[in-house]
């Protein structure tokens, strides 16, 4: 490590070796930084607002609490960098390596991401807002990550940990989620049609009011999941465990529940026209106000099911008569 700090007052910094330097709190706002090494440098709290960073090596640099709003980063390595609590509003990333980077509790908003990869990165409690065309999350940590107003259509999530992930006001058609842990995730009132959640843990997940039509849940676990009012038309749920799951008022028309476990599940008021329940375990399930006449249920276990309660149905559909004033 150098004995004295380098002169960084110039607007353009090029070809510097700032490895392991203590540069905490300095301002690089509006500067152009090229071909410079910040490997393991202390950049905590630095201001990079509007800076242009090209061809730099920032591997394992400490950028905690740094401001990188409107920064342009290109052909730069941020492998293993620490960006927790950093602000990255309207940042532009082109050909950037963020593998195993730490972005816990950071804000990544309205950013442009092109040719970016972040395998094994950490996003716990981070906020991702207004993003689209996201790179694949592979072996990532998305615990309690909040995705707000993002277009995650076509996104791949592979072998990642994402318990309590929140997808709020997001569109996620044709997503591919494989062998990941999304237990207790919240994805309400969203369009996730055509997505695949194969071999994914979705225990206690909340998909209330979401479009899950044509989704593939092969090998997934949906015990105690809440899919109330969701659209599950033609969804593939064969062999899936849905113990105590809520499918209340869901549209399950044409869904495949063959050999699924629906013990104590709530299907009250669900639509099940042309759904397949062949060999399924529906023991102790709530089938109140469900018309199973057009569903296939060969060899299904219907032990202890709760059928339609006529008195309750009358109360649910009761309409107060309109009283018109005379004269």
Protein backbone atom coordinates (compact mmCIF):
# COMPACT_ATOMS: atom_id res chain seq x y z
CA UNK A 1 0.00 0.00 0.00
CA UNK A 2 1.31 3.43 -0.91
CA UNK A 3 2.42 5.74 1.91
CA UNK A 4 0.59 8.77 0.47
CA UNK A 5 -2.74 9.05 -1.26
CA UNK A 6 -2.57 9.68 -5.02
CA UNK A 7 -3.78 12.92 -6.51
CA UNK A 8 -7.33 12.21 -7.73
CA UNK A 9 -8.34 15.78 -8.47
CA UNK A 10 -8.21 15.42 -12.28
CA UNK A 11 -11.47 14.89 -14.16
CA UNK A 12 -9.95 11.94 -16.00
CA UNK A 13 -8.13 9.18 -14.12
CA UNK A 14 -6.36 6.63 -16.26
CA UNK A 15 -4.07 3.66 -15.66
CA UNK A 16 -3.76 4.10 -11.87
CA UNK A 17 -2.95 1.35 -9.39
CA UNK A 18 -5.19 2.00 -6.39
CA UNK A 19 -5.18 -1.56 -5.09
CA UNK A 20 -5.95 -1.78 -1.35
CA UNK A 21 -5.90 2.01 -1.06
CA UNK A 22 -8.01 3.69 1.62
CA UNK A 23 -10.18 6.02 -0.47
CA UNK A 24 -13.23 6.01 1.78
CA UNK A 25 -15.52 9.01 1.43
CA UNK A 26 -13.82 10.49 -1.65
CA UNK A 27 -15.79 11.92 -4.55
CA UNK A 28 -15.46 10.57 -8.08
CA UNK A 29 -18.65 12.34 -9.17
CA UNK A 30 -18.63 13.20 -12.85
CA UNK A 31 -15.14 11.81 -13.37
CA UNK A 32 -13.96 9.49 -16.13
CA UNK A 33 -12.03 6.54 -14.72
CA UNK A 34 -10.29 4.20 -17.17
CA UNK A 35 -8.05 1.14 -16.89
CA UNK A 36 -7.61 1.62 -13.16
CA UNK A 37 -7.28 -1.05 -10.50
CA UNK A 38 -9.34 -0.70 -7.30
CA UNK A 39 -8.83 -4.32 -6.21
CA UNK A 40 -9.69 -4.62 -2.50
CA UNK A 41 -9.68 -0.81 -2.21
CA UNK A 42 -11.70 0.88 0.54
CA UNK A 43 -14.31 2.93 -1.33
CA UNK A 44 -16.92 3.01 1.42
CA UNK A 45 -19.20 6.00 1.18
CA UNK A 46 -17.61 7.26 -2.05
CA UNK A 47 -19.64 9.34 -4.47
CA UNK A 48 -19.57 8.08 -8.07
CA UNK A 49 -22.63 10.03 -9.21
CA UNK A 50 -22.53 10.48 -12.99
CA UNK A 51 -19.06 8.96 -13.27
CA UNK A 52 -17.90 6.92 -16.27
CA UNK A 53 -15.93 3.81 -15.32
CA UNK A 54 -14.38 1.78 -18.15
CA UNK A 55 -11.99 -1.17 -18.15
CA UNK A 56 -11.42 -1.09 -14.41
CA UNK A 57 -10.82 -3.89 -11.92
CA UNK A 58 -12.84 -3.40 -8.73
CA UNK A 59 -12.77 -6.99 -7.51
CA UNK A 60 -13.43 -7.28 -3.76
CA UNK A 61 -13.52 -3.49 -3.46
CA UNK A 62 -15.52 -2.19 -0.52
CA UNK A 63 -18.24 0.07 -1.88
CA UNK A 64 -20.59 -0.16 1.07
CA UNK A 65 -22.86 2.91 1.33
CA UNK A 66 -21.42 4.29 -1.92
CA UNK A 67 -23.54 6.44 -4.23
CA UNK A 68 -23.38 5.18 -7.82
CA UNK A 69 -26.44 6.96 -9.18
CA UNK A 70 -26.35 7.55 -12.96
CA UNK A 71 -22.92 5.91 -13.17
CA UNK A 72 -21.87 4.29 -16.44
CA UNK A 73 -19.80 1.13 -15.91
CA UNK A 74 -18.42 -0.81 -18.85
CA UNK A 75 -15.99 -3.73 -19.23
CA UNK A 76 -15.35 -3.69 -15.50
CA UNK A 77 -14.83 -6.46 -12.96
CA UNK A 78 -16.73 -6.20 -9.66
CA UNK A 79 -16.26 -9.84 -8.68
CA UNK A 80 -16.82 -10.25 -4.95
CA UNK A 81 -17.22 -6.50 -4.46
CA UNK A 82 -19.13 -5.22 -1.44
CA UNK A 83 -22.00 -2.95 -2.48
CA UNK A 84 -24.30 -3.38 0.50
CA UNK A 85 -26.45 -0.30 1.21
CA UNK A 86 -25.19 1.25 -2.05
CA UNK A 87 -27.47 3.39 -4.23
CA UNK A 88 -27.52 2.51 -7.95
CA UNK A 89 -30.33 4.62 -9.35
CA UNK A 90 -30.36 4.91 -13.16
CA UNK A 91 -26.96 3.20 -13.33
CA UNK A 92 -25.81 1.69 -16.63
CA UNK A 93 -23.91 -1.62 -16.66
CA UNK A 94 -22.39 -3.03 -19.86
CA UNK A 95 -20.17 -6.13 -19.81
CA UNK A 96 -19.81 -6.10 -16.02
CA UNK A 97 -18.83 -9.07 -13.83
CA UNK A 98 -20.73 -9.05 -10.51
CA UNK A 99 -20.18 -12.72 -9.66
CA UNK A 100 -20.36 -13.26 -5.89
CA UNK A 101 -20.83 -9.54 -5.33
CA UNK A 102 -22.58 -8.39 -2.15
CA UNK A 103 -25.58 -6.15 -2.82
CA UNK A 104 -27.42 -6.72 0.44
CA UNK A 105 -29.91 -3.92 1.22
CA UNK A 106 -28.78 -1.97 -1.84
CA UNK A 107 -31.10 -0.01 -4.15
CA UNK A 108 -30.96 -0.92 -7.84
CA UNK A 109 -33.55 1.26 -9.54
CA UNK A 110 -34.29 2.06 -13.20
CA UNK A 111 -30.89 0.62 -14.10
CA UNK A 112 -29.78 -0.68 -17.50
CA UNK A 113 -28.15 -4.11 -17.45
CA UNK A 114 -26.51 -5.44 -20.62
CA UNK A 115 -24.13 -8.40 -20.73
CA UNK A 116 -24.04 -8.52 -16.93
CA UNK A 117 -23.58 -11.68 -14.92
CA UNK A 118 -23.89 -12.06 -11.16
CA UNK A 119 -23.67 -15.77 -10.41
CA UNK A 120 -23.62 -16.43 -6.68
CA UNK A 121 -24.34 -12.79 -5.84
CA UNK A 122 -26.02 -11.75 -2.59
CA UNK A 123 -29.18 -9.61 -2.81
CA UNK A 124 -30.71 -10.21 0.63
CA UNK A 125 -33.14 -7.39 1.51
CA UNK A 126 -32.12 -5.43 -1.60
CA UNK A 127 -34.69 -3.38 -3.54
CA UNK A 128 -34.87 -3.93 -7.30
CA UNK A 129 -37.22 -1.40 -8.86
CA UNK A 130 -38.23 -0.66 -12.44
CA UNK A 131 -35.85 -3.22 -13.95
CA UNK A 132 -36.23 -5.40 -17.03
CA UNK A 133 -34.17 -7.94 -18.98
CA UNK A 134 -32.48 -9.12 -15.81
CA UNK A 135 -29.53 -11.52 -16.03
CA UNK A 136 -30.08 -15.05 -14.67
CA UNK A 137 -29.95 -15.49 -10.91
CA UNK A 138 -27.84 -18.62 -10.48
CA UNK A 139 -26.92 -19.81 -6.99
CA UNK A 140 -27.91 -16.35 -5.76
CA UNK A 141 -29.20 -15.25 -2.37
CA UNK A 142 -32.48 -13.36 -2.82
CA UNK A 143 -33.71 -13.65 0.75
CA UNK A 144 -36.37 -10.99 1.41
CA UNK A 145 -35.43 -9.21 -1.82
CA UNK A 146 -38.11 -6.74 -2.91
CA UNK A 147 -38.78 -6.56 -6.66
CA UNK A 148 -41.07 -3.65 -7.40
CA UNK A 149 -42.53 -2.75 -10.79
CA UNK A 150 -40.06 -5.04 -12.58
CA UNK A 151 -40.59 -6.95 -15.81
CA UNK A 152 -39.12 -10.34 -14.95
CA UNK A 153 -40.58 -12.08 -17.99
CA UNK A 154 -38.25 -14.81 -19.21
CA UNK A 155 -36.07 -14.51 -16.11
CA UNK A 156 -34.12 -17.61 -15.02
CA UNK A 157 -33.68 -18.40 -11.31
CA UNK A 158 -31.52 -21.48 -10.86
CA UNK A 159 -30.54 -23.19 -7.59
CA UNK A 160 -31.09 -19.96 -5.69
CA UNK A 161 -32.23 -19.18 -2.16
CA UNK A 162 -35.15 -16.74 -2.23
CA UNK A 163 -37.33 -17.23 0.85
CA UNK A 164 -39.75 -14.35 1.40
CA UNK A 165 -38.95 -12.88 -2.04
CA UNK A 166 -41.48 -10.15 -2.86
CA UNK A 167 -42.64 -9.58 -6.45
CA UNK A 168 -44.87 -6.51 -6.24
CA UNK A 169 -46.60 -5.11 -9.33
CA UNK A 170 -44.32 -7.31 -11.45
CA UNK A 171 -44.88 -9.07 -14.75
CA UNK A 172 -43.23 -12.47 -14.96
CA UNK A 173 -44.49 -14.40 -17.95
CA UNK A 174 -42.46 -17.44 -19.05
CA UNK A 175 -40.08 -17.36 -16.10
CA UNK A 176 -37.91 -20.41 -15.43
CA UNK A 177 -37.37 -21.19 -11.75
CA UNK A 178 -35.49 -24.44 -11.12
CA UNK A 179 -34.44 -26.20 -7.90
CA UNK A 180 -34.78 -23.02 -5.86
CA UNK A 181 -36.19 -22.15 -2.44
CA UNK A 182 -39.01 -19.59 -2.73
CA UNK A 183 -40.84 -20.52 0.44
CA UNK A 184 -43.11 -17.75 1.76
CA UNK A 185 -42.55 -15.69 -1.40
CA UNK A 186 -45.20 -13.08 -2.15
CA UNK A 187 -46.25 -12.69 -5.80
CA UNK A 188 -49.81 -11.36 -5.71
CA UNK A 189 -51.88 -9.93 -8.57
CA UNK A 190 -49.13 -10.62 -11.10
CA UNK A 191 -48.99 -12.30 -14.49
CA UNK A 192 -46.71 -15.36 -14.28
CA UNK A 193 -48.45 -17.35 -16.98
CA UNK A 194 -46.43 -19.96 -18.82
CA UNK A 195 -43.72 -20.02 -16.16
CA UNK A 196 -41.91 -23.07 -14.87
CA UNK A 197 -41.34 -23.70 -11.16
CA UNK A 198 -39.94 -27.21 -11.44
CA UNK A 199 -38.46 -28.75 -8.28
CA UNK A 200 -38.95 -25.49 -6.41
CA UNK A 201 -40.01 -25.07 -2.78
CA UNK A 202 -43.09 -22.83 -2.66
CA UNK A 203 -44.32 -23.71 0.81
CA UNK A 204 -46.58 -20.95 2.16
CA UNK A 205 -46.06 -18.90 -0.99
CA UNK A 206 -48.74 -16.30 -1.72
CA UNK A 207 -49.97 -16.12 -5.32
CA UNK A 208 -53.31 -14.49 -4.46
CA UNK A 209 -55.03 -13.19 -7.60
CA UNK A 210 -52.11 -14.05 -9.88
CA UNK A 211 -52.24 -15.58 -13.34
CA UNK A 212 -50.52 -18.97 -13.14
CA UNK A 213 -52.14 -20.44 -16.22
CA UNK A 214 -50.07 -23.08 -18.04
CA UNK A 215 -47.42 -23.00 -15.30
CA UNK A 216 -45.35 -26.14 -14.76
CA UNK A 217 -44.95 -27.12 -11.09
CA UNK A 218 -43.37 -30.55 -11.68
CA UNK A 219 -41.61 -31.70 -8.49
CA UNK A 220 -42.49 -28.48 -6.66
CA UNK A 221 -43.84 -28.22 -3.11
CA UNK A 222 -46.86 -25.98 -2.51
CA UNK A 223 -47.88 -27.01 0.98
CA UNK A 224 -49.95 -24.26 2.67
CA UNK A 225 -49.54 -22.05 -0.40
CA UNK A 226 -52.20 -19.38 -0.87
CA UNK A 227 -53.52 -19.31 -4.44
CA UNK A 228 -56.88 -17.79 -3.57
CA UNK A 229 -58.54 -16.25 -6.61
CA UNK A 230 -55.61 -17.17 -8.85
CA UNK A 231 -55.82 -18.47 -12.41
CA UNK A 232 -54.43 -22.00 -12.73
CA UNK A 233 -55.98 -22.93 -16.06
CA UNK A 234 -54.12 -25.86 -17.67
CA UNK A 235 -51.42 -25.71 -14.99
CA UNK A 236 -49.30 -28.84 -14.54
CA UNK A 237 -49.53 -29.96 -10.89
CA UNK A 238 -49.29 -33.73 -11.32
CA UNK A 239 -47.74 -35.36 -8.26
CA UNK A 240 -47.34 -32.01 -6.49
CA UNK A 241 -47.85 -31.70 -2.74
CA UNK A 242 -50.52 -29.09 -1.92
CA UNK A 243 -51.28 -30.08 1.67
CA UNK A 244 -53.44 -27.39 3.33
CA UNK A 245 -53.06 -25.18 0.27
CA UNK A 246 -55.77 -22.61 -0.49
CA UNK A 247 -57.26 -22.74 -3.98
CA UNK A 248 -60.39 -20.95 -2.85
CA UNK A 249 -62.18 -19.26 -5.79
CA UNK A 250 -59.29 -20.21 -8.09
CA UNK A 251 -59.87 -21.04 -11.74
CA UNK A 252 -58.39 -24.53 -12.08
CA UNK A 253 -60.12 -25.39 -15.35
CA UNK A 254 -58.11 -27.96 -17.26
CA UNK A 255 -55.43 -28.15 -14.57
CA UNK A 256 -53.64 -31.46 -14.08
CA UNK A 257 -53.74 -32.61 -10.43
CA UNK A 258 -53.09 -36.28 -11.26
CA UNK A 259 -51.69 -38.05 -8.15
CA UNK A 260 -51.33 -34.68 -6.39
CA UNK A 261 -51.65 -34.51 -2.62
CA UNK A 262 -54.45 -32.11 -1.69
CA UNK A 263 -55.04 -33.30 1.85
CA UNK A 264 -56.97 -30.63 3.81
CA UNK A 265 -56.69 -28.24 0.87
CA UNK A 266 -59.37 -25.56 0.45
CA UNK A 267 -60.92 -25.66 -3.02
CA UNK A 268 -64.15 -23.95 -2.06
CA UNK A 269 -65.76 -22.04 -4.93
CA UNK A 270 -62.98 -23.19 -7.29
CA UNK A 271 -63.69 -23.85 -10.97
CA UNK A 272 -62.50 -27.32 -11.93
CA UNK A 273 -64.09 -27.97 -15.32
CA UNK A 274 -62.07 -30.60 -17.20
CA UNK A 275 -59.46 -30.69 -14.43
CA UNK A 276 -57.72 -34.01 -13.78
CA UNK A 277 -57.76 -35.37 -10.21
CA UNK A 278 -57.08 -38.99 -11.18
CA UNK A 279 -55.33 -40.78 -8.29
CA UNK A 280 -55.15 -37.54 -6.29
CA UNK A 281 -55.46 -37.48 -2.51
CA UNK A 282 -58.33 -35.12 -1.65
CA UNK A 283 -58.90 -36.48 1.83
CA UNK A 284 -60.39 -33.90 4.21
CA UNK A 285 -60.36 -31.29 1.42
CA UNK A 286 -62.93 -28.50 1.39
CA UNK A 287 -65.02 -28.86 -1.80
CA UNK A 288 -67.78 -26.46 -0.78
CA UNK A 289 -69.50 -24.93 -3.83
CA UNK A 290 -67.30 -26.95 -6.21
CA UNK A 291 -68.90 -28.66 -9.20
CA UNK A 292 -66.82 -31.79 -9.78
CA UNK A 293 -69.18 -33.21 -12.40
CA UNK A 294 -66.98 -32.19 -15.33
CA UNK A 295 -63.68 -33.09 -13.62
CA UNK A 296 -61.93 -36.45 -13.90
CA UNK A 297 -61.41 -38.07 -10.51
CA UNK A 298 -60.77 -41.76 -11.20
CA UNK A 299 -59.25 -43.53 -8.18
CA UNK A 300 -59.09 -40.23 -6.26
CA UNK A 301 -59.16 -40.44 -2.46
CA UNK A 302 -62.23 -38.48 -1.37
CA UNK A 303 -62.26 -39.65 2.23
CA UNK A 304 -63.68 -37.09 4.62
CA UNK A 305 -64.14 -34.35 2.04
CA UNK A 306 -66.32 -31.41 2.92
CA UNK A 307 -69.08 -31.19 0.29
CA UNK A 308 -71.24 -28.19 -0.50
CA UNK A 309 -73.14 -26.89 2.52
CA UNK A 310 -76.56 -25.82 1.12
CA UNK A 311 -77.32 -23.45 4.01
CA UNK A 312 -73.94 -21.78 3.75
CA UNK A 313 -74.28 -21.50 -0.03
CA UNK A 314 -77.67 -19.82 0.33
CA UNK A 315 -76.22 -17.37 2.82
CA UNK A 316 -73.26 -16.64 0.52
CA UNK A 317 -75.48 -15.99 -2.48
CA UNK A 318 -78.25 -14.16 -0.61
CA UNK A 319 -79.14 -10.80 -2.06
CA UNK A 320 -81.06 -8.24 -0.09
CA UNK A 321 -84.34 -7.57 -1.89
CA UNK A 322 -84.78 -4.12 -3.35
CA UNK A 323 -87.58 -2.21 -1.68
CA UNK A 324 -89.15 0.39 -3.91
CA UNK A 325 -91.00 3.33 -2.43
CA UNK A 326 -94.67 3.53 -3.33
CA UNK A 327 -96.16 6.42 -5.23
